[in-house]
Structures are given as C-alpha cells and as structure tokens.
Amino acid sequence: MRKSHLFNISGLYAVTPNTLDTELLCRSVEAALKGGASLLQYRNKAADTGLRLKQASALLALCRSYQVPLIINDHLDLCAQIDADGLHVGATDGDVGAARRLLGADKIIGASCYNRFDLALEAEKQGASYVAFGACFSSSTKPNATKAGLDLFTRAKTELAVPCVAIGGITLENAPSVISADADAIAVVDALFNAADIVKTSQQFTQMFKAGFLNR
C-alpha cells in the first residue's frame, strides 16, 4: 500500500454533499467519522463564500477532534484561511504546483485525473500527495462524468509512488471491485450520506476496505 509523505491516504474518504444546513452537515459528518472514515473532503457547490467559511470551520474543528484530515475541494483561499489539512483540485480548478508552493510541504494536495494517466503522472511530478481517478461508476453527483476503468489503479500500483483514490458512484455493492483493483482509498458521497444509518454504512465501507487490504 502506498502512502503520502505525511498522511495515510487509505480507506474510506468521505466527501460532503451539497447542503445549506450546517447543523445537519456536522451531524452527518460526525456519524461518518464515528464509523471510521479516515479522510473528509468538504465540497459544497451550493454554498456561497460566507457559508463555505462557516461550514468548513465547523468541520475542521470536528475533524480535529477525531484526528482526521480535512481536505477542501477547489478553494485554495479557503484552505489557507482556515489552515485546513489540504486541498483537492480538478483539472480546471488550479495548478498543483502552485498550490504546493503556497500551502507548503506539510499539506495534502490531491488532484482529479479522471481517466487520464498522463494527468496523474504530471500531478505527481508537481507535488500531489495523491491522485484520484473517476468516475468509476455512474454517479448522481456528476452524472455526465467521464468513466474511468479500474485498470488505472492496477497500473498506478507499479508506475506511481503516490496513493490513488477511486471516486464516482461507489456503493457497498461495487466497492469490492474497486478495492480489488488496488485503489488506496474510496471516495464516497451519496452512498454514505444518503444512507439511513451513516455510522453503520461508514463502518461497512471501512471494514470492507480493511478486509480487501488483508487479502492483497
């Protein structure tokens, strides 16, 4: 299993849903953390600047209490402002190298690489802590996302030194195939936060990943 230089990028990577209710968001996130989520990404495309600051600050305090890294999606300024643990960028959201230079060596920087291995190689070269491939399956979060084959994770195991995160439509039913393909972490939104019992679902994802790791 590959690891980043400072953080262990592995297991269940919870990604927040678009919600304007901060109290509900915090309750849901705490349930995911109780269940064993090892990383949290704050992603809210529906929030304005003020609400993003409020929610991210609340989630940072929550993550600190569970000793889980908080990654901010896209917003470099917000990441720097609250001193979050890292930043996740897409192809059009910023430059990995520039983010690394601004945030420093101690922060996690993740990069979306979709189904393109060349982007993963470039992101690693620029200082990414991990790369993400997806969508692995059909996703309601990004219904028109490009599909990424699971063979990307198998290839990455031999050609990349940084961890690889799988994202897009991952559920309890299809997660085993992603884990078997050597993804280091599985990023989950809907199947986790829309679950009737978030704690239990988080535990199921976490245990499934641990079992898959032991079988490698």
C-alpha atoms as a PDB file:
ATOM      1  CA  MET A   1       0.000   0.000   0.000  1.00  0.00           C
ATOM      2  CA  ARG A   2       1.350   3.399  -0.985  1.00  0.00           C
ATOM      3  CA  LYS A   3       1.227   6.305   1.428  1.00  0.00           C
ATOM      4  CA  SER A   4       1.674  10.034   1.094  1.00  0.00           C
ATOM      5  CA  HIS A   5       4.762  11.503   2.684  1.00  0.00           C
ATOM      6  CA  LEU A   6       2.942  12.743   5.795  1.00  0.00           C
ATOM      7  CA  PHE A   7      -0.600  11.377   5.787  1.00  0.00           C
ATOM      8  CA  ASN A   8      -2.011   7.921   5.315  1.00  0.00           C
ATOM      9  CA  ILE A   9      -4.331   8.200   2.311  1.00  0.00           C
ATOM     10  CA  SER A  10      -6.293   4.998   2.618  1.00  0.00           C
ATOM     11  CA  GLY A  11      -9.698   3.569   3.446  1.00  0.00           C
ATOM     12  CA  LEU A  12     -12.971   5.490   3.357  1.00  0.00           C
ATOM     13  CA  TYR A  13     -12.627   9.047   2.067  1.00  0.00           C
ATOM     14  CA  ALA A  14     -15.908  10.813   2.884  1.00  0.00           C
ATOM     15  CA  VAL A  15     -16.917  13.686   0.576  1.00  0.00           C
ATOM     16  CA  THR A  16     -19.635  16.030   1.803  1.00  0.00           C
ATOM     17  CA  PRO A  17     -22.936  16.529  -0.042  1.00  0.00           C
ATOM     18  CA  ASN A  18     -24.343  19.890  -1.090  1.00  0.00           C
ATOM     19  CA  THR A  19     -26.319  21.046   1.934  1.00  0.00           C
ATOM     20  CA  LEU A  20     -27.024  24.506   3.306  1.00  0.00           C
ATOM     21  CA  ASP A  21     -27.904  23.175   6.770  1.00  0.00           C
ATOM     22  CA  THR A  22     -24.665  23.354   8.745  1.00  0.00           C
ATOM     23  CA  GLU A  23     -26.012  21.513  11.792  1.00  0.00           C
ATOM     24  CA  LEU A  24     -27.253  18.642   9.626  1.00  0.00           C
ATOM     25  CA  LEU A  25     -23.940  18.582   7.773  1.00  0.00           C
ATOM     26  CA  CYS A  26     -21.966  18.355  11.010  1.00  0.00           C
ATOM     27  CA  ARG A  27     -24.196  15.597  12.398  1.00  0.00           C
ATOM     28  CA  SER A  28     -23.822  13.594   9.201  1.00  0.00           C
ATOM     29  CA  VAL A  29     -20.070  14.081   9.058  1.00  0.00           C
ATOM     30  CA  GLU A  30     -19.636  13.124  12.705  1.00  0.00           C
ATOM     31  CA  ALA A  31     -21.565   9.929  12.023  1.00  0.00           C
ATOM     32  CA  ALA A  32     -19.217   9.116   9.145  1.00  0.00           C
ATOM     33  CA  LEU A  33     -16.197   9.813  11.339  1.00  0.00           C
ATOM     34  CA  LYS A  34     -17.590   7.638  14.122  1.00  0.00           C
ATOM     35  CA  GLY A  35     -17.932   4.831  11.610  1.00  0.00           C
ATOM     36  CA  GLY A  36     -14.286   5.018  10.631  1.00  0.00           C
ATOM     37  CA  ALA A  37     -13.883   7.458   7.724  1.00  0.00           C
ATOM     38  CA  SER A  38     -10.169   8.215   7.504  1.00  0.00           C
ATOM     39  CA  LEU A  39     -10.366  11.450   5.493  1.00  0.00           C
ATOM     40  CA  LEU A  40     -13.001  14.112   4.864  1.00  0.00           C
ATOM     41  CA  GLN A  41     -13.338  16.395   1.858  1.00  0.00           C
ATOM     42  CA  TYR A  42     -15.505  19.491   2.199  1.00  0.00           C
ATOM     43  CA  ARG A  43     -17.231  20.003  -1.138  1.00  0.00           C
ATOM     44  CA  ASN A  44     -20.320  22.198  -1.388  1.00  0.00           C
ATOM     45  CA  LYS A  45     -21.243  23.618  -4.774  1.00  0.00           C
ATOM     46  CA  ALA A  46     -24.451  25.164  -3.394  1.00  0.00           C
ATOM     47  CA  ALA A  47     -22.874  27.335  -0.681  1.00  0.00           C
ATOM     48  CA  ASP A  48     -21.758  30.938  -1.000  1.00  0.00           C
ATOM     49  CA  THR A  49     -18.450  32.262   0.320  1.00  0.00           C
ATOM     50  CA  GLY A  50     -19.745  33.038   3.803  1.00  0.00           C
ATOM     51  CA  LEU A  51     -21.450  29.695   4.264  1.00  0.00           C
ATOM     52  CA  ARG A  52     -18.409  27.804   2.972  1.00  0.00           C
ATOM     53  CA  LEU A  53     -16.286  29.523   5.603  1.00  0.00           C
ATOM     54  CA  LYS A  54     -18.789  28.731   8.356  1.00  0.00           C
ATOM     55  CA  GLN A  55     -19.184  25.092   7.355  1.00  0.00           C
ATOM     56  CA  ALA A  56     -15.506  24.453   6.695  1.00  0.00           C
ATOM     57  CA  SER A  57     -14.545  25.959  10.059  1.00  0.00           C
ATOM     58  CA  ALA A  58     -17.094  23.781  11.862  1.00  0.00           C
ATOM     59  CA  LEU A  59     -15.921  20.674  10.034  1.00  0.00           C
ATOM     60  CA  LEU A  60     -12.272  21.443  10.760  1.00  0.00           C
ATOM     61  CA  ALA A  61     -12.977  21.505  14.496  1.00  0.00           C
ATOM     62  CA  LEU A  62     -14.888  18.241  14.171  1.00  0.00           C
ATOM     63  CA  CYS A  63     -12.123  16.586  12.175  1.00  0.00           C
ATOM     64  CA  ARG A  64      -9.522  17.744  14.681  1.00  0.00           C
ATOM     65  CA  SER A  65     -11.450  16.006  17.471  1.00  0.00           C
ATOM     66  CA  TYR A  66     -11.370  12.747  15.502  1.00  0.00           C
ATOM     67  CA  GLN A  67      -7.798  13.286  14.251  1.00  0.00           C
ATOM     68  CA  VAL A  68      -8.957  13.012  10.649  1.00  0.00           C
ATOM     69  CA  PRO A  69      -7.587  15.304   7.910  1.00  0.00           C
ATOM     70  CA  LEU A  70      -9.941  17.874   6.364  1.00  0.00           C
ATOM     71  CA  ILE A  71      -9.412  18.477   2.651  1.00  0.00           C
ATOM     72  CA  ILE A  72     -11.022  21.490   0.950  1.00  0.00           C
ATOM     73  CA  ASN A  73     -12.348  20.984  -2.562  1.00  0.00           C
ATOM     74  CA  ASP A  74     -11.226  23.605  -5.117  1.00  0.00           C
ATOM     75  CA  HIS A  75     -10.991  26.692  -2.869  1.00  0.00           C
ATOM     76  CA  LEU A  76      -7.319  27.369  -2.223  1.00  0.00           C
ATOM     77  CA  ASP A  77      -8.106  30.629  -0.436  1.00  0.00           C
ATOM     78  CA  LEU A  78     -10.452  28.883   1.988  1.00  0.00           C
ATOM     79  CA  CYS A  79      -7.926  26.138   2.659  1.00  0.00           C
ATOM     80  CA  ALA A  80      -5.269  28.704   3.528  1.00  0.00           C
ATOM     81  CA  GLN A  81      -7.677  30.876   5.527  1.00  0.00           C
ATOM     82  CA  ILE A  82      -8.722  28.165   7.989  1.00  0.00           C
ATOM     83  CA  ASP A  83      -5.437  26.230   7.820  1.00  0.00           C
ATOM     84  CA  ALA A  84      -7.148  23.037   6.665  1.00  0.00           C
ATOM     85  CA  ASP A  85      -5.084  19.900   6.168  1.00  0.00           C
ATOM     86  CA  GLY A  86      -5.166  20.034   2.401  1.00  0.00           C
ATOM     87  CA  LEU A  87      -6.733  20.873  -0.933  1.00  0.00           C
ATOM     88  CA  HIS A  88      -8.258  18.851  -3.752  1.00  0.00           C
ATOM     89  CA  VAL A  89      -8.138  20.349  -7.236  1.00  0.00           C
ATOM     90  CA  GLY A  90      -9.722  19.438 -10.541  1.00  0.00           C
ATOM     91  CA  ALA A  91      -8.272  19.963 -13.994  1.00  0.00           C
ATOM     92  CA  THR A  92      -9.730  23.482 -14.250  1.00  0.00           C
ATOM     93  CA  ASP A  93      -9.524  24.471 -10.581  1.00  0.00           C
ATOM     94  CA  GLY A  94      -5.883  25.348 -10.232  1.00  0.00           C
ATOM     95  CA  ASP A  95      -2.323  24.197 -10.561  1.00  0.00           C
ATOM     96  CA  VAL A  96      -0.976  21.507  -8.230  1.00  0.00           C
ATOM     97  CA  GLY A  97       2.488  23.027  -8.259  1.00  0.00           C
ATOM     98  CA  ALA A  98       1.200  26.500  -7.397  1.00  0.00           C
ATOM     99  CA  ALA A  99      -0.945  25.080  -4.591  1.00  0.00           C
ATOM    100  CA  ARG A 100       2.050  23.186  -3.226  1.00  0.00           C
ATOM    101  CA  ARG A 101       4.213  26.295  -3.255  1.00  0.00           C
ATOM    102  CA  LEU A 102       1.554  28.337  -1.444  1.00  0.00           C
ATOM    103  CA  LEU A 103       0.426  25.726   1.098  1.00  0.00           C
ATOM    104  CA  GLY A 104       3.836  24.226   1.793  1.00  0.00           C
ATOM    105  CA  ALA A 105       5.170  20.717   2.100  1.00  0.00           C
ATOM    106  CA  ASP A 106       3.050  19.743   5.116  1.00  0.00           C
ATOM    107  CA  LYS A 107      -0.349  19.896   3.396  1.00  0.00           C
ATOM    108  CA  ILE A 108      -2.200  17.210   1.463  1.00  0.00           C
ATOM    109  CA  ILE A 109      -2.818  18.102  -2.167  1.00  0.00           C
ATOM    110  CA  GLY A 110      -5.000  15.830  -4.249  1.00  0.00           C
ATOM    111  CA  ALA A 111      -5.684  16.029  -7.960  1.00  0.00           C
ATOM    112  CA  SER A 112      -8.581  14.760 -10.056  1.00  0.00           C
ATOM    113  CA  CYS A 113      -7.184  12.899 -13.054  1.00  0.00           C
ATOM    114  CA  TYR A 114     -10.448  11.484 -14.424  1.00  0.00           C
ATOM    115  CA  ASN A 115      -9.490   8.628 -16.774  1.00  0.00           C
ATOM    116  CA  ARG A 116      -6.138  10.087 -17.826  1.00  0.00           C
ATOM    117  CA  PHE A 117      -2.940   8.520 -16.587  1.00  0.00           C
ATOM    118  CA  ASP A 118      -0.881  11.348 -18.080  1.00  0.00           C
ATOM    119  CA  LEU A 119      -2.579  13.797 -15.715  1.00  0.00           C
ATOM    120  CA  ALA A 120      -1.689  11.549 -12.799  1.00  0.00           C
ATOM    121  CA  LEU A 121       1.966  11.456 -13.828  1.00  0.00           C
ATOM    122  CA  GLU A 122       2.034  15.248 -14.152  1.00  0.00           C
ATOM    123  CA  ALA A 123       0.253  15.783 -10.819  1.00  0.00           C
ATOM    124  CA  GLU A 124       2.751  13.535  -9.064  1.00  0.00           C
ATOM    125  CA  LYS A 125       5.603  15.444 -10.695  1.00  0.00           C
ATOM    126  CA  GLN A 126       4.153  18.752  -9.440  1.00  0.00           C
ATOM    127  CA  GLY A 127       3.928  17.531  -5.861  1.00  0.00           C
ATOM    128  CA  ALA A 128       0.486  15.954  -5.463  1.00  0.00           C
ATOM    129  CA  SER A 129       0.018  13.850  -2.320  1.00  0.00           C
ATOM    130  CA  TYR A 130      -2.494  11.627  -4.098  1.00  0.00           C
ATOM    131  CA  VAL A 131      -4.342  11.359  -7.392  1.00  0.00           C
ATOM    132  CA  ALA A 132      -7.977  10.451  -7.983  1.00  0.00           C
ATOM    133  CA  PHE A 133      -9.443   8.511 -10.901  1.00  0.00           C
ATOM    134  CA  GLY A 134     -13.151   8.523 -11.729  1.00  0.00           C
ATOM    135  CA  ALA A 135     -15.974   8.287 -12.290  1.00  0.00           C
ATOM    136  CA  CYS A 136     -15.559   4.584 -11.694  1.00  0.00           C
ATOM    137  CA  PHE A 137     -19.331   4.051 -11.946  1.00  0.00           C
ATOM    138  CA  SER A 138     -22.397   6.115 -12.821  1.00  0.00           C
ATOM    139  CA  SER A 139     -22.743   8.909 -10.305  1.00  0.00           C
ATOM    140  CA  SER A 140     -25.673  11.139  -9.397  1.00  0.00           C
ATOM    141  CA  THR A 141     -23.204  13.749  -8.107  1.00  0.00           C
ATOM    142  CA  LYS A 142     -21.655  14.073 -11.583  1.00  0.00           C
ATOM    143  CA  PRO A 143     -23.997  12.228 -13.991  1.00  0.00           C
ATOM    144  CA  ASN A 144     -22.047  13.247 -17.099  1.00  0.00           C
ATOM    145  CA  ALA A 145     -18.599  12.452 -15.744  1.00  0.00           C
ATOM    146  CA  THR A 146     -16.130  10.546 -17.899  1.00  0.00           C
ATOM    147  CA  LYS A 147     -15.890   6.888 -16.929  1.00  0.00           C
ATOM    148  CA  ALA A 148     -12.557   5.612 -15.621  1.00  0.00           C
ATOM    149  CA  GLY A 149     -11.541   1.978 -15.962  1.00  0.00           C
ATOM    150  CA  LEU A 150     -10.421   0.093 -12.878  1.00  0.00           C
ATOM    151  CA  ASP A 151      -7.263  -0.938 -14.702  1.00  0.00           C
ATOM    152  CA  LEU A 152      -5.941   2.563 -13.951  1.00  0.00           C
ATOM    153  CA  PHE A 153      -5.460   1.572 -10.307  1.00  0.00           C
ATOM    154  CA  THR A 154      -3.656  -1.618 -11.208  1.00  0.00           C
ATOM    155  CA  ARG A 155      -1.329   0.334 -13.477  1.00  0.00           C
ATOM    156  CA  ALA A 156      -0.784   3.025 -10.863  1.00  0.00           C
ATOM    157  CA  LYS A 157       0.463   0.485  -8.364  1.00  0.00           C
ATOM    158  CA  THR A 158       3.590  -0.053 -10.455  1.00  0.00           C
ATOM    159  CA  GLU A 159       4.005   3.372 -12.088  1.00  0.00           C
ATOM    160  CA  LEU A 160       3.093   5.890  -9.382  1.00  0.00           C
ATOM    161  CA  ALA A 161       4.609   6.497  -5.956  1.00  0.00           C
ATOM    162  CA  VAL A 162       1.577   8.394  -4.599  1.00  0.00           C
ATOM    163  CA  PRO A 163      -1.713   6.847  -3.423  1.00  0.00           C
ATOM    164  CA  CYS A 164      -4.698   6.576  -5.768  1.00  0.00           C
ATOM    165  CA  VAL A 165      -8.266   7.402  -4.783  1.00  0.00           C
ATOM    166  CA  ALA A 166     -11.297   5.973  -6.574  1.00  0.00           C
ATOM    167  CA  ILE A 167     -14.359   8.185  -6.915  1.00  0.00           C
ATOM    168  CA  GLY A 168     -17.695   8.187  -8.673  1.00  0.00           C
ATOM    169  CA  GLY A 169     -20.763   6.084  -7.948  1.00  0.00           C
ATOM    170  CA  ILE A 170     -19.072   3.864  -5.370  1.00  0.00           C
ATOM    171  CA  THR A 171     -21.532   1.829  -3.294  1.00  0.00           C
ATOM    172  CA  LEU A 172     -21.380  -1.030  -0.828  1.00  0.00           C
ATOM    173  CA  GLU A 173     -22.165  -3.344  -3.729  1.00  0.00           C
ATOM    174  CA  ASN A 174     -19.414  -2.261  -6.142  1.00  0.00           C
ATOM    175  CA  ALA A 175     -16.723  -1.145  -3.682  1.00  0.00           C
ATOM    176  CA  PRO A 176     -15.110  -4.621  -3.525  1.00  0.00           C
ATOM    177  CA  SER A 177     -14.222  -4.466  -7.228  1.00  0.00           C
ATOM    178  CA  VAL A 178     -12.511  -1.103  -6.747  1.00  0.00           C
ATOM    179  CA  ILE A 179     -10.622  -2.303  -3.702  1.00  0.00           C
ATOM    180  CA  SER A 180      -9.538  -5.447  -5.549  1.00  0.00           C
ATOM    181  CA  ALA A 181      -8.181  -3.243  -8.346  1.00  0.00           C
ATOM    182  CA  ASP A 182      -5.727  -1.741  -5.811  1.00  0.00           C
ATOM    183  CA  ALA A 183      -7.314   1.648  -5.104  1.00  0.00           C
ATOM    184  CA  ASP A 184      -5.760   3.017  -1.918  1.00  0.00           C
ATOM    185  CA  ALA A 185      -8.926   4.848  -0.886  1.00  0.00           C
ATOM    186  CA  ILE A 186     -12.562   5.067  -1.952  1.00  0.00           C
ATOM    187  CA  ALA A 187     -14.245   8.484  -2.057  1.00  0.00           C
ATOM    188  CA  VAL A 188     -17.961   8.234  -1.333  1.00  0.00           C
ATOM    189  CA  VAL A 189     -20.726  10.852  -1.289  1.00  0.00           C
ATOM    190  CA  ASP A 190     -24.292   9.624  -1.869  1.00  0.00           C
ATOM    191  CA  ALA A 191     -23.951   6.010  -0.728  1.00  0.00           C
ATOM    192  CA  LEU A 192     -22.628   7.289   2.587  1.00  0.00           C
ATOM    193  CA  PHE A 193     -24.506  10.495   3.354  1.00  0.00           C
ATOM    194  CA  ASN A 194     -27.856   9.364   1.935  1.00  0.00           C
ATOM    195  CA  ALA A 195     -27.750   6.145   3.966  1.00  0.00           C
ATOM    196  CA  ALA A 196     -30.391   5.558   6.610  1.00  0.00           C
ATOM    197  CA  ASP A 197     -27.632   4.769   9.112  1.00  0.00           C
ATOM    198  CA  ILE A 198     -24.472   6.713   8.286  1.00  0.00           C
ATOM    199  CA  VAL A 199     -22.434   5.263  11.158  1.00  0.00           C
ATOM    200  CA  LYS A 200     -23.210   1.697  10.106  1.00  0.00           C
ATOM    201  CA  THR A 201     -22.576   2.409   6.431  1.00  0.00           C
ATOM    202  CA  SER A 202     -19.257   4.057   7.243  1.00  0.00           C
ATOM    203  CA  GLN A 203     -18.313   1.008   9.303  1.00  0.00           C
ATOM    204  CA  GLN A 204     -19.266  -1.311   6.440  1.00  0.00           C
ATOM    205  CA  PHE A 205     -17.131   0.588   3.934  1.00  0.00           C
ATOM    206  CA  THR A 206     -14.236   0.720   6.391  1.00  0.00           C
ATOM    207  CA  GLN A 207     -14.366  -2.969   7.266  1.00  0.00           C
ATOM    208  CA  MET A 208     -14.718  -3.919   3.616  1.00  0.00           C
ATOM    209  CA  PHE A 209     -11.614  -1.937   2.784  1.00  0.00           C
ATOM    210  CA  LYS A 210      -9.657  -3.451   5.666  1.00  0.00           C
ATOM    211  CA  ALA A 211     -10.650  -6.939   4.559  1.00  0.00           C
ATOM    212  CA  GLY A 212      -9.598  -6.167   0.993  1.00  0.00           C
ATOM    213  CA  PHE A 213      -6.240  -4.856   2.184  1.00  0.00           C
ATOM    214  CA  LEU A 214      -5.573  -8.004   4.190  1.00  0.00           C
ATOM    215  CA  ASN A 215      -6.302 -10.130   1.128  1.00  0.00           C
ATOM    216  CA  ARG A 216      -3.792  -8.322  -1.113  1.00  0.00           C
END
